Amino acid sequence: MHNRNEDSNLMDLIDSIENMEQDASRVSVDDVVQAVGRRSFGPLLLVAGLITLTPIIGDIPGMPTLMAALVLLVSVQLLAGRDAFWLPGWLLKRSLSRQKFDKGIHYMKKPARWIDGLLRVRLPWLTGYIGIRVTAVVCLLIALAMPPMEFIPFSANGAGLALTLLGLGLVARDGIALLLGFALFAATTAFIAMSLF
């Protein structure tokens, strides 16, 4: 398996996920978490964002809410100072068909290479101790907002893209990606507020 500690961009993460066991007909949340590592805040955020964002997988009813639960639990535990993240059995056991999962991964590959070409170490202080915790607070807010987003067209996509940018920023130590993620979350929140009121 690809060494999860070496994941430094999107293609590395996709390679780690692709190198999971291929025998089963379904892929569980636990399979993906094991592939990226229980100590990896950035990769877990990135996975949650990509799953929410990818049309084939993210369009499954309830998937954005499931990813919101993962992000919420991981963010709270990071803020509490845990080194390894605990996730409940009911979440880890949730799964989807291998065929849909593989199609989603294939869909992500081409844009992943392009995105990786844009990433570089910038404003690394934003990805340090304080920056990671500020990011965790923002992710917690995104997670709390995601369940109602399933009823507002396109808003879950905005949340998924924000999580993806935040995960990419942490994985690649790219502070610009983090700032873009913060800005997108603010824009998505404004969009939801306008839609509701």
N, C-alpha and C. Protein backbone atom coordinates (compact mmCIF):
# COMPACT_ATOMS: atom_id res chain seq x y z
N MET A 1 0.85 -1.20 0.00
CA MET A 1 0.00 0.00 0.00
C MET A 1 0.88 1.25 0.00
N HIS A 2 0.38 2.28 -0.68
CA HIS A 2 1.11 3.55 -0.69
C HIS A 2 1.26 4.04 0.74
N ASN A 3 2.41 4.54 1.07
CA ASN A 3 2.65 5.04 2.43
C ASN A 3 1.83 6.29 2.67
N ARG A 4 0.87 6.20 3.59
CA ARG A 4 -0.05 7.31 3.81
C ARG A 4 0.66 8.56 4.31
N ASN A 5 1.81 8.38 4.94
CA ASN A 5 2.54 9.55 5.44
C ASN A 5 3.19 10.35 4.32
N GLU A 6 3.29 9.76 3.12
CA GLU A 6 3.93 10.43 2.01
C GLU A 6 2.93 11.16 1.11
N ASP A 7 1.64 11.02 1.41
CA ASP A 7 0.63 11.70 0.59
C ASP A 7 0.85 13.20 0.68
N SER A 8 1.25 13.81 -0.43
CA SER A 8 1.52 15.25 -0.41
C SER A 8 0.76 15.99 -1.49
N ASN A 9 -0.08 15.29 -2.23
CA ASN A 9 -0.93 15.93 -3.22
C ASN A 9 -2.13 15.04 -3.50
N LEU A 10 -2.97 15.47 -4.42
CA LEU A 10 -4.22 14.76 -4.69
C LEU A 10 -3.99 13.40 -5.34
N MET A 11 -3.06 13.31 -6.28
CA MET A 11 -2.79 12.04 -6.93
C MET A 11 -2.23 11.02 -5.95
N ASP A 12 -1.40 11.46 -5.00
CA ASP A 12 -0.90 10.54 -3.97
C ASP A 12 -2.07 9.94 -3.19
N LEU A 13 -3.02 10.80 -2.84
CA LEU A 13 -4.17 10.34 -2.07
C LEU A 13 -5.01 9.35 -2.89
N ILE A 14 -5.25 9.67 -4.16
CA ILE A 14 -6.01 8.77 -5.03
C ILE A 14 -5.30 7.43 -5.18
N ASP A 15 -3.96 7.47 -5.30
CA ASP A 15 -3.18 6.23 -5.38
C ASP A 15 -3.37 5.39 -4.12
N SER A 16 -3.36 6.04 -2.96
CA SER A 16 -3.55 5.32 -1.70
C SER A 16 -4.91 4.63 -1.67
N ILE A 17 -5.93 5.34 -2.15
CA ILE A 17 -7.28 4.77 -2.16
C ILE A 17 -7.38 3.65 -3.18
N GLU A 18 -6.77 3.83 -4.34
CA GLU A 18 -6.82 2.80 -5.38
C GLU A 18 -6.11 1.53 -4.96
N ASN A 19 -5.11 1.65 -4.08
CA ASN A 19 -4.34 0.50 -3.64
C ASN A 19 -5.03 -0.30 -2.53
N MET A 20 -6.29 0.06 -2.22
CA MET A 20 -7.05 -0.72 -1.25
C MET A 20 -7.32 -2.11 -1.83
N GLU A 21 -7.77 -3.01 -0.98
CA GLU A 21 -8.15 -4.34 -1.45
C GLU A 21 -9.24 -4.23 -2.51
N GLN A 22 -9.10 -5.00 -3.59
CA GLN A 22 -10.03 -4.90 -4.71
C GLN A 22 -11.05 -6.04 -4.73
N ASP A 23 -10.99 -6.96 -3.78
CA ASP A 23 -11.80 -8.18 -3.86
C ASP A 23 -13.28 -7.94 -3.58
N ALA A 24 -13.59 -7.10 -2.61
CA ALA A 24 -14.98 -6.93 -2.18
C ALA A 24 -15.82 -6.22 -3.25
N SER A 25 -17.12 -6.52 -3.24
CA SER A 25 -18.03 -5.89 -4.21
C SER A 25 -18.49 -4.52 -3.73
N ARG A 26 -18.21 -4.21 -2.46
CA ARG A 26 -18.58 -2.90 -1.91
C ARG A 26 -17.38 -2.27 -1.22
N VAL A 27 -17.39 -0.94 -1.14
CA VAL A 27 -16.33 -0.18 -0.47
C VAL A 27 -16.95 0.52 0.73
N SER A 28 -16.39 0.31 1.90
CA SER A 28 -16.93 0.93 3.11
C SER A 28 -16.14 2.18 3.48
N VAL A 29 -16.72 2.98 4.36
CA VAL A 29 -16.02 4.16 4.89
C VAL A 29 -14.75 3.70 5.60
N ASP A 30 -14.84 2.56 6.30
CA ASP A 30 -13.68 2.03 7.01
C ASP A 30 -12.54 1.71 6.04
N ASP A 31 -12.85 1.16 4.87
CA ASP A 31 -11.81 0.86 3.87
C ASP A 31 -11.05 2.13 3.50
N VAL A 32 -11.79 3.21 3.27
CA VAL A 32 -11.17 4.48 2.85
C VAL A 32 -10.35 5.07 3.98
N VAL A 33 -10.90 5.03 5.20
CA VAL A 33 -10.19 5.58 6.37
C VAL A 33 -8.88 4.81 6.60
N GLN A 34 -8.94 3.48 6.45
CA GLN A 34 -7.72 2.68 6.62
C GLN A 34 -6.69 3.04 5.55
N ALA A 35 -7.15 3.37 4.35
CA ALA A 35 -6.23 3.69 3.25
C ALA A 35 -5.49 5.00 3.49
N VAL A 36 -6.17 5.99 4.07
CA VAL A 36 -5.54 7.31 4.24
C VAL A 36 -4.96 7.51 5.64
N GLY A 37 -5.42 6.69 6.60
CA GLY A 37 -4.84 6.77 7.94
C GLY A 37 -5.71 7.51 8.94
N ARG A 38 -5.78 6.98 10.15
CA ARG A 38 -6.61 7.58 11.21
C ARG A 38 -5.95 8.78 11.87
N ARG A 39 -4.70 9.05 11.55
CA ARG A 39 -4.01 10.21 12.14
C ARG A 39 -3.94 11.37 11.16
N SER A 40 -4.57 11.23 10.01
CA SER A 40 -4.37 12.17 8.90
C SER A 40 -5.56 13.11 8.74
N PHE A 41 -5.50 14.27 9.37
CA PHE A 41 -6.63 15.21 9.31
C PHE A 41 -6.83 15.74 7.89
N GLY A 42 -5.74 16.21 7.25
CA GLY A 42 -5.84 16.76 5.90
C GLY A 42 -6.39 15.76 4.90
N PRO A 43 -5.81 14.56 4.80
CA PRO A 43 -6.34 13.56 3.86
C PRO A 43 -7.79 13.16 4.13
N LEU A 44 -8.18 13.05 5.41
CA LEU A 44 -9.57 12.70 5.71
C LEU A 44 -10.52 13.80 5.24
N LEU A 45 -10.13 15.06 5.44
CA LEU A 45 -10.93 16.18 4.93
C LEU A 45 -11.03 16.12 3.41
N LEU A 46 -9.90 15.85 2.79
CA LEU A 46 -9.83 15.80 1.33
C LEU A 46 -10.73 14.69 0.79
N VAL A 47 -10.70 13.53 1.43
CA VAL A 47 -11.56 12.42 1.01
C VAL A 47 -13.04 12.80 1.15
N ALA A 48 -13.40 13.40 2.29
CA ALA A 48 -14.80 13.79 2.51
C ALA A 48 -15.25 14.81 1.47
N GLY A 49 -14.36 15.78 1.17
CA GLY A 49 -14.69 16.78 0.16
C GLY A 49 -14.86 16.18 -1.22
N LEU A 50 -13.95 15.29 -1.60
CA LEU A 50 -14.01 14.68 -2.93
C LEU A 50 -15.25 13.81 -3.08
N ILE A 51 -15.57 13.03 -2.05
CA ILE A 51 -16.76 12.17 -2.12
C ILE A 51 -18.02 13.01 -2.27
N THR A 52 -18.09 14.13 -1.56
CA THR A 52 -19.25 15.02 -1.66
C THR A 52 -19.32 15.68 -3.02
N LEU A 53 -18.15 15.97 -3.59
CA LEU A 53 -18.06 16.73 -4.83
C LEU A 53 -18.23 15.87 -6.08
N THR A 54 -17.78 14.62 -6.03
CA THR A 54 -17.81 13.76 -7.21
C THR A 54 -19.24 13.39 -7.57
N PRO A 55 -19.70 13.72 -8.80
CA PRO A 55 -21.11 13.49 -9.17
C PRO A 55 -21.59 12.06 -8.95
N ILE A 56 -20.82 11.06 -9.34
CA ILE A 56 -21.28 9.67 -9.27
C ILE A 56 -21.50 9.22 -7.83
N ILE A 57 -20.63 9.67 -6.92
CA ILE A 57 -20.72 9.25 -5.53
C ILE A 57 -21.51 10.25 -4.69
N GLY A 58 -21.20 11.53 -4.86
CA GLY A 58 -21.83 12.57 -4.04
C GLY A 58 -23.32 12.74 -4.27
N ASP A 59 -23.82 12.25 -5.43
CA ASP A 59 -25.25 12.38 -5.73
C ASP A 59 -26.09 11.33 -5.02
N ILE A 60 -25.45 10.35 -4.38
CA ILE A 60 -26.20 9.33 -3.65
C ILE A 60 -26.89 9.99 -2.45
N PRO A 61 -28.21 9.83 -2.32
CA PRO A 61 -28.93 10.47 -1.20
C PRO A 61 -28.31 10.11 0.15
N GLY A 62 -28.11 11.12 0.96
CA GLY A 62 -27.55 10.90 2.29
C GLY A 62 -26.04 10.94 2.36
N MET A 63 -25.36 10.90 1.20
CA MET A 63 -23.90 10.87 1.22
C MET A 63 -23.29 12.15 1.80
N PRO A 64 -23.79 13.36 1.40
CA PRO A 64 -23.25 14.59 2.01
C PRO A 64 -23.39 14.60 3.52
N THR A 65 -24.54 14.11 4.03
CA THR A 65 -24.75 14.08 5.48
C THR A 65 -23.79 13.09 6.14
N LEU A 66 -23.54 11.96 5.49
CA LEU A 66 -22.60 10.97 6.02
C LEU A 66 -21.20 11.56 6.10
N MET A 67 -20.79 12.27 5.05
CA MET A 67 -19.47 12.90 5.06
C MET A 67 -19.40 14.03 6.08
N ALA A 68 -20.53 14.71 6.29
CA ALA A 68 -20.59 15.76 7.32
C ALA A 68 -20.33 15.16 8.70
N ALA A 69 -20.91 13.97 8.96
CA ALA A 69 -20.69 13.30 10.24
C ALA A 69 -19.22 12.96 10.42
N LEU A 70 -18.57 12.49 9.36
CA LEU A 70 -17.15 12.16 9.43
C LEU A 70 -16.32 13.40 9.74
N VAL A 71 -16.59 14.50 9.01
CA VAL A 71 -15.84 15.74 9.19
C VAL A 71 -16.07 16.30 10.60
N LEU A 72 -17.31 16.27 11.07
CA LEU A 72 -17.65 16.78 12.39
C LEU A 72 -16.88 16.03 13.48
N LEU A 73 -16.91 14.70 13.42
CA LEU A 73 -16.24 13.89 14.43
C LEU A 73 -14.73 14.10 14.42
N VAL A 74 -14.15 14.14 13.22
CA VAL A 74 -12.71 14.30 13.11
C VAL A 74 -12.28 15.70 13.58
N SER A 75 -13.05 16.73 13.20
CA SER A 75 -12.72 18.11 13.59
C SER A 75 -12.78 18.30 15.10
N VAL A 76 -13.82 17.77 15.72
CA VAL A 76 -13.97 17.90 17.18
C VAL A 76 -12.82 17.21 17.89
N GLN A 77 -12.44 16.03 17.41
CA GLN A 77 -11.36 15.28 18.05
C GLN A 77 -10.00 15.97 17.86
N LEU A 78 -9.79 16.59 16.70
CA LEU A 78 -8.55 17.32 16.49
C LEU A 78 -8.47 18.50 17.47
N LEU A 79 -9.59 19.22 17.61
CA LEU A 79 -9.62 20.36 18.53
C LEU A 79 -9.44 19.91 19.98
N ALA A 80 -9.85 18.67 20.28
CA ALA A 80 -9.69 18.13 21.63
C ALA A 80 -8.29 17.59 21.88
N GLY A 81 -7.46 17.59 20.83
CA GLY A 81 -6.07 17.19 20.99
C GLY A 81 -5.77 15.73 20.76
N ARG A 82 -6.71 14.98 20.18
CA ARG A 82 -6.46 13.56 19.91
C ARG A 82 -5.46 13.38 18.76
N ASP A 83 -4.63 12.37 18.86
CA ASP A 83 -3.65 12.07 17.82
C ASP A 83 -4.21 11.14 16.75
N ALA A 84 -5.07 10.21 17.18
CA ALA A 84 -5.70 9.28 16.24
C ALA A 84 -7.21 9.44 16.37
N PHE A 85 -7.91 9.42 15.26
CA PHE A 85 -9.34 9.72 15.27
C PHE A 85 -10.18 8.46 15.44
N TRP A 86 -11.14 8.53 16.37
CA TRP A 86 -12.09 7.44 16.57
C TRP A 86 -13.34 7.75 15.75
N LEU A 87 -13.85 6.73 15.07
CA LEU A 87 -15.10 6.87 14.33
C LEU A 87 -16.02 5.72 14.70
N PRO A 88 -17.32 5.97 14.86
CA PRO A 88 -18.24 4.93 15.31
C PRO A 88 -18.47 3.85 14.24
N GLY A 89 -18.84 2.66 14.70
CA GLY A 89 -19.04 1.53 13.80
C GLY A 89 -20.10 1.78 12.75
N TRP A 90 -21.20 2.48 13.13
CA TRP A 90 -22.27 2.70 12.15
C TRP A 90 -21.80 3.53 10.97
N LEU A 91 -20.85 4.44 11.22
CA LEU A 91 -20.31 5.26 10.14
C LEU A 91 -19.31 4.45 9.30
N LEU A 92 -18.43 3.72 9.97
CA LEU A 92 -17.41 2.95 9.27
C LEU A 92 -18.01 1.85 8.40
N LYS A 93 -19.17 1.34 8.79
CA LYS A 93 -19.79 0.23 8.05
C LYS A 93 -20.57 0.69 6.81
N ARG A 94 -20.86 1.97 6.71
CA ARG A 94 -21.59 2.46 5.54
C ARG A 94 -20.75 2.22 4.29
N SER A 95 -21.42 1.81 3.21
CA SER A 95 -20.67 1.43 2.02
C SER A 95 -21.44 1.75 0.75
N LEU A 96 -20.74 1.66 -0.39
CA LEU A 96 -21.36 1.79 -1.70
C LEU A 96 -20.72 0.77 -2.62
N SER A 97 -21.32 0.56 -3.77
CA SER A 97 -20.83 -0.48 -4.67
C SER A 97 -19.44 -0.15 -5.18
N ARG A 98 -18.62 -1.19 -5.34
CA ARG A 98 -17.27 -1.01 -5.88
C ARG A 98 -17.33 -0.37 -7.26
N GLN A 99 -18.35 -0.73 -8.07
CA GLN A 99 -18.44 -0.19 -9.43
C GLN A 99 -18.61 1.33 -9.41
N LYS A 100 -19.52 1.82 -8.57
CA LYS A 100 -19.73 3.27 -8.47
C LYS A 100 -18.49 3.96 -7.93
N PHE A 101 -17.88 3.34 -6.92
CA PHE A 101 -16.68 3.93 -6.31
C PHE A 101 -15.55 4.05 -7.33
N ASP A 102 -15.32 2.98 -8.08
CA ASP A 102 -14.24 2.99 -9.07
C ASP A 102 -14.50 4.02 -10.17
N LYS A 103 -15.77 4.16 -10.57
CA LYS A 103 -16.12 5.18 -11.57
C LYS A 103 -15.83 6.58 -11.04
N GLY A 104 -16.15 6.80 -9.77
CA GLY A 104 -15.90 8.10 -9.16
C GLY A 104 -14.42 8.42 -9.09
N ILE A 105 -13.62 7.41 -8.70
CA ILE A 105 -12.17 7.60 -8.63
C ILE A 105 -11.60 7.92 -10.01
N HIS A 106 -12.07 7.18 -11.02
CA HIS A 106 -11.61 7.41 -12.40
C HIS A 106 -11.96 8.83 -12.85
N TYR A 107 -13.17 9.29 -12.47
CA TYR A 107 -13.64 10.63 -12.84
C TYR A 107 -12.71 11.70 -12.26
N MET A 108 -12.15 11.42 -11.07
CA MET A 108 -11.32 12.42 -10.37
C MET A 108 -9.89 12.52 -10.91
N LYS A 109 -9.44 11.48 -11.62
CA LYS A 109 -8.01 11.41 -11.95
C LYS A 109 -7.52 12.55 -12.84
N LYS A 110 -8.27 12.84 -13.89
CA LYS A 110 -7.80 13.88 -14.83
C LYS A 110 -7.71 15.25 -14.17
N PRO A 111 -8.79 15.72 -13.49
CA PRO A 111 -8.65 17.01 -12.81
C PRO A 111 -7.61 16.99 -11.68
N ALA A 112 -7.38 15.83 -11.08
CA ALA A 112 -6.41 15.73 -9.98
C ALA A 112 -5.01 16.12 -10.45
N ARG A 113 -4.62 15.65 -11.62
CA ARG A 113 -3.28 15.98 -12.14
C ARG A 113 -3.15 17.48 -12.38
N TRP A 114 -4.21 18.08 -12.91
CA TRP A 114 -4.20 19.52 -13.18
C TRP A 114 -4.13 20.31 -11.87
N ILE A 115 -4.93 19.88 -10.89
CA ILE A 115 -4.94 20.56 -9.59
C ILE A 115 -3.58 20.47 -8.91
N ASP A 116 -2.96 19.28 -8.98
CA ASP A 116 -1.64 19.10 -8.36
C ASP A 116 -0.60 20.04 -8.96
N GLY A 117 -0.77 20.35 -10.24
CA GLY A 117 0.16 21.27 -10.90
C GLY A 117 0.06 22.69 -10.36
N LEU A 118 -1.06 23.02 -9.72
CA LEU A 118 -1.26 24.36 -9.17
C LEU A 118 -0.78 24.48 -7.73
N LEU A 119 -0.65 23.33 -7.06
CA LEU A 119 -0.31 23.35 -5.64
C LEU A 119 1.19 23.53 -5.42
N ARG A 120 1.53 24.28 -4.39
CA ARG A 120 2.92 24.39 -3.96
C ARG A 120 2.92 24.92 -2.52
N VAL A 121 4.05 24.84 -1.84
CA VAL A 121 4.13 25.35 -0.46
C VAL A 121 4.07 26.87 -0.50
N ARG A 122 2.97 27.42 0.02
CA ARG A 122 2.77 28.88 0.08
C ARG A 122 2.14 29.23 1.42
N LEU A 123 2.60 30.32 2.02
CA LEU A 123 2.09 30.74 3.33
C LEU A 123 2.02 29.55 4.29
N PRO A 124 3.13 28.82 4.45
CA PRO A 124 3.08 27.58 5.25
C PRO A 124 2.67 27.80 6.70
N TRP A 125 2.81 29.03 7.21
CA TRP A 125 2.41 29.30 8.61
C TRP A 125 0.91 29.06 8.80
N LEU A 126 0.14 29.16 7.69
CA LEU A 126 -1.30 28.90 7.79
C LEU A 126 -1.61 27.43 8.00
N THR A 127 -0.64 26.57 7.72
CA THR A 127 -0.87 25.13 7.88
C THR A 127 -0.17 24.58 9.12
N GLY A 128 0.29 25.49 9.99
CA GLY A 128 0.92 25.08 11.24
C GLY A 128 -0.11 24.78 12.32
N TYR A 129 0.35 24.74 13.56
CA TYR A 129 -0.49 24.33 14.69
C TYR A 129 -1.78 25.14 14.78
N ILE A 130 -1.65 26.47 14.78
CA ILE A 130 -2.84 27.33 14.91
C ILE A 130 -3.69 27.24 13.66
N GLY A 131 -3.05 27.27 12.49
CA GLY A 131 -3.79 27.22 11.23
C GLY A 131 -4.62 25.96 11.09
N ILE A 132 -4.07 24.82 11.53
CA ILE A 132 -4.82 23.56 11.44
C ILE A 132 -6.05 23.63 12.33
N ARG A 133 -5.94 24.25 13.49
CA ARG A 133 -7.08 24.33 14.40
C ARG A 133 -8.12 25.33 13.92
N VAL A 134 -7.69 26.41 13.30
CA VAL A 134 -8.65 27.33 12.68
C VAL A 134 -9.40 26.60 11.56
N THR A 135 -8.66 25.83 10.78
CA THR A 135 -9.26 25.04 9.72
C THR A 135 -10.27 24.04 10.28
N ALA A 136 -9.93 23.42 11.42
CA ALA A 136 -10.84 22.45 12.05
C ALA A 136 -12.14 23.12 12.47
N VAL A 137 -12.06 24.36 12.99
CA VAL A 137 -13.28 25.09 13.38
C VAL A 137 -14.14 25.37 12.16
N VAL A 138 -13.52 25.81 11.07
CA VAL A 138 -14.27 26.07 9.84
C VAL A 138 -14.91 24.78 9.32
N CYS A 139 -14.16 23.68 9.37
CA CYS A 139 -14.69 22.39 8.92
C CYS A 139 -15.86 21.94 9.78
N LEU A 140 -15.78 22.20 11.08
CA LEU A 140 -16.87 21.88 11.98
C LEU A 140 -18.14 22.64 11.58
N LEU A 141 -17.97 23.91 11.24
CA LEU A 141 -19.11 24.73 10.81
C LEU A 141 -19.67 24.22 9.48
N ILE A 142 -18.78 23.83 8.56
CA ILE A 142 -19.22 23.27 7.28
C ILE A 142 -20.02 21.99 7.53
N ALA A 143 -19.52 21.13 8.40
CA ALA A 143 -20.19 19.87 8.69
C ALA A 143 -21.59 20.09 9.26
N LEU A 144 -21.72 21.07 10.16
CA LEU A 144 -23.03 21.37 10.75
C LEU A 144 -24.01 21.91 9.70
N ALA A 145 -23.47 22.60 8.69
CA ALA A 145 -24.33 23.20 7.65
C ALA A 145 -24.68 22.22 6.54
N MET A 146 -23.95 21.11 6.42
CA MET A 146 -24.13 20.22 5.27
C MET A 146 -25.46 19.47 5.21
N PRO A 147 -26.01 18.93 6.31
CA PRO A 147 -27.28 18.20 6.18
C PRO A 147 -28.40 18.99 5.51
N PRO A 148 -28.67 20.25 5.92
CA PRO A 148 -29.72 21.00 5.21
C PRO A 148 -29.36 21.33 3.77
N MET A 149 -28.06 21.29 3.44
CA MET A 149 -27.64 21.59 2.07
C MET A 149 -28.17 20.58 1.06
N GLU A 150 -28.52 19.38 1.53
CA GLU A 150 -29.06 18.37 0.61
C GLU A 150 -30.37 18.83 0.00
N PHE A 151 -31.03 19.81 0.63
CA PHE A 151 -32.31 20.29 0.13
C PHE A 151 -32.18 21.59 -0.67
N ILE A 152 -30.95 22.13 -0.73
CA ILE A 152 -30.72 23.38 -1.48
C ILE A 152 -29.80 23.06 -2.65
N PRO A 153 -30.29 23.16 -3.88
CA PRO A 153 -29.49 22.78 -5.05
C PRO A 153 -28.11 23.46 -5.07
N PHE A 154 -27.10 22.67 -5.36
CA PHE A 154 -25.71 23.11 -5.57
C PHE A 154 -24.96 23.51 -4.30
N SER A 155 -25.65 23.69 -3.17
CA SER A 155 -24.96 24.14 -1.97
C SER A 155 -24.02 23.07 -1.43
N ALA A 156 -24.42 21.79 -1.51
CA ALA A 156 -23.54 20.71 -1.04
C ALA A 156 -22.27 20.64 -1.87
N ASN A 157 -22.39 20.99 -3.17
CA ASN A 157 -21.20 21.02 -4.02
C ASN A 157 -20.22 22.09 -3.54
N GLY A 158 -20.77 23.23 -3.11
CA GLY A 158 -19.93 24.30 -2.57
C GLY A 158 -19.21 23.86 -1.31
N ALA A 159 -19.93 23.14 -0.44
CA ALA A 159 -19.32 22.62 0.79
C ALA A 159 -18.25 21.59 0.46
N GLY A 160 -18.56 20.71 -0.51
CA GLY A 160 -17.59 19.70 -0.91
C GLY A 160 -16.32 20.31 -1.48
N LEU A 161 -16.49 21.35 -2.29
CA LEU A 161 -15.33 22.02 -2.87
C LEU A 161 -14.51 22.74 -1.79
N ALA A 162 -15.21 23.35 -0.82
CA ALA A 162 -14.51 24.02 0.29
C ALA A 162 -13.70 23.01 1.09
N LEU A 163 -14.29 21.85 1.41
CA LEU A 163 -13.57 20.82 2.15
C LEU A 163 -12.37 20.30 1.35
N THR A 164 -12.58 20.15 0.03
CA THR A 164 -11.49 19.69 -0.83
C THR A 164 -10.33 20.67 -0.81
N LEU A 165 -10.63 21.96 -0.92
CA LEU A 165 -9.58 22.99 -0.88
C LEU A 165 -8.85 23.00 0.46
N LEU A 166 -9.61 22.86 1.55
CA LEU A 166 -9.00 22.85 2.88
C LEU A 166 -8.12 21.62 3.06
N GLY A 167 -8.61 20.47 2.60
CA GLY A 167 -7.81 19.26 2.68
C GLY A 167 -6.55 19.36 1.84
N LEU A 168 -6.68 19.90 0.62
CA LEU A 168 -5.52 20.08 -0.25
C LEU A 168 -4.51 21.04 0.38
N GLY A 169 -5.02 22.10 0.99
CA GLY A 169 -4.14 23.07 1.63
C GLY A 169 -3.30 22.45 2.73
N LEU A 170 -3.93 21.59 3.54
CA LEU A 170 -3.20 20.94 4.63
C LEU A 170 -2.24 19.88 4.10
N VAL A 171 -2.68 19.11 3.12
CA VAL A 171 -1.85 18.03 2.58
C VAL A 171 -0.61 18.61 1.88
N ALA A 172 -0.80 19.66 1.07
CA ALA A 172 0.30 20.24 0.29
C ALA A 172 0.97 21.42 0.99
N ARG A 173 0.50 21.77 2.19
CA ARG A 173 1.01 22.93 2.94
C ARG A 173 0.89 24.20 2.11
N ASP A 174 -0.25 24.33 1.44
CA ASP A 174 -0.51 25.47 0.57
C ASP A 174 -1.53 26.39 1.24
N GLY A 175 -1.04 27.46 1.85
CA GLY A 175 -1.92 28.39 2.56
C GLY A 175 -2.90 29.09 1.65
N ILE A 176 -2.55 29.27 0.37
CA ILE A 176 -3.46 29.91 -0.58
C ILE A 176 -4.70 29.03 -0.77
N ALA A 177 -4.50 27.72 -0.85
CA ALA A 177 -5.64 26.80 -0.99
C ALA A 177 -6.55 26.90 0.23
N LEU A 178 -5.95 27.03 1.43
CA LEU A 178 -6.76 27.19 2.65
C LEU A 178 -7.58 28.47 2.59
N LEU A 179 -6.96 29.57 2.17
CA LEU A 179 -7.68 30.85 2.09
C LEU A 179 -8.83 30.76 1.10
N LEU A 180 -8.59 30.08 -0.03
CA LEU A 180 -9.67 29.89 -1.01
C LEU A 180 -10.80 29.06 -0.42
N GLY A 181 -10.45 28.05 0.37
CA GLY A 181 -11.46 27.23 1.03
C GLY A 181 -12.29 28.04 2.02
N PHE A 182 -11.62 28.90 2.81
CA PHE A 182 -12.34 29.78 3.75
C PHE A 182 -13.31 30.70 2.99
N ALA A 183 -12.81 31.29 1.89
CA ALA A 183 -13.63 32.22 1.10
C ALA A 183 -14.83 31.51 0.49
N LEU A 184 -14.61 30.29 0.00
CA LEU A 184 -15.71 29.54 -0.61
C LEU A 184 -16.75 29.16 0.42
N PHE A 185 -16.31 28.81 1.63
CA PHE A 185 -17.26 28.51 2.69
C PHE A 185 -18.12 29.73 3.01
N ALA A 186 -17.48 30.91 3.08
CA ALA A 186 -18.22 32.15 3.34
C ALA A 186 -19.24 32.42 2.23
N ALA A 187 -18.83 32.20 0.97
CA ALA A 187 -19.73 32.44 -0.16
C ALA A 187 -20.89 31.44 -0.14
N THR A 188 -20.60 30.17 0.19
CA THR A 188 -21.66 29.15 0.25
C THR A 188 -22.64 29.46 1.37
N THR A 189 -22.12 29.92 2.51
CA THR A 189 -22.98 30.29 3.64
C THR A 189 -23.90 31.45 3.25
N ALA A 190 -23.36 32.43 2.54
CA ALA A 190 -24.17 33.56 2.08
C ALA A 190 -25.25 33.08 1.10
N PHE A 191 -24.88 32.15 0.22
CA PHE A 191 -25.84 31.61 -0.75
C PHE A 191 -26.99 30.89 -0.05
N ILE A 192 -26.65 30.10 0.98
CA ILE A 192 -27.68 29.38 1.73
C ILE A 192 -28.60 30.36 2.46
N ALA A 193 -28.00 31.39 3.07
CA ALA A 193 -28.80 32.39 3.79
C ALA A 193 -29.79 33.09 2.85
N MET A 194 -29.32 33.42 1.65
CA MET A 194 -30.19 34.08 0.66
C MET A 194 -31.30 33.12 0.20
N SER A 195 -30.97 31.84 0.08
CA SER A 195 -31.95 30.85 -0.37
C SER A 195 -33.05 30.63 0.67
N LEU A 196 -32.66 30.70 1.94
CA LEU A 196 -33.61 30.42 3.02
C LEU A 196 -34.45 31.64 3.39
N PHE A 197 -33.84 32.83 3.23
CA PHE A 197 -34.55 34.03 3.71
C PHE A 197 -34.86 34.97 2.57
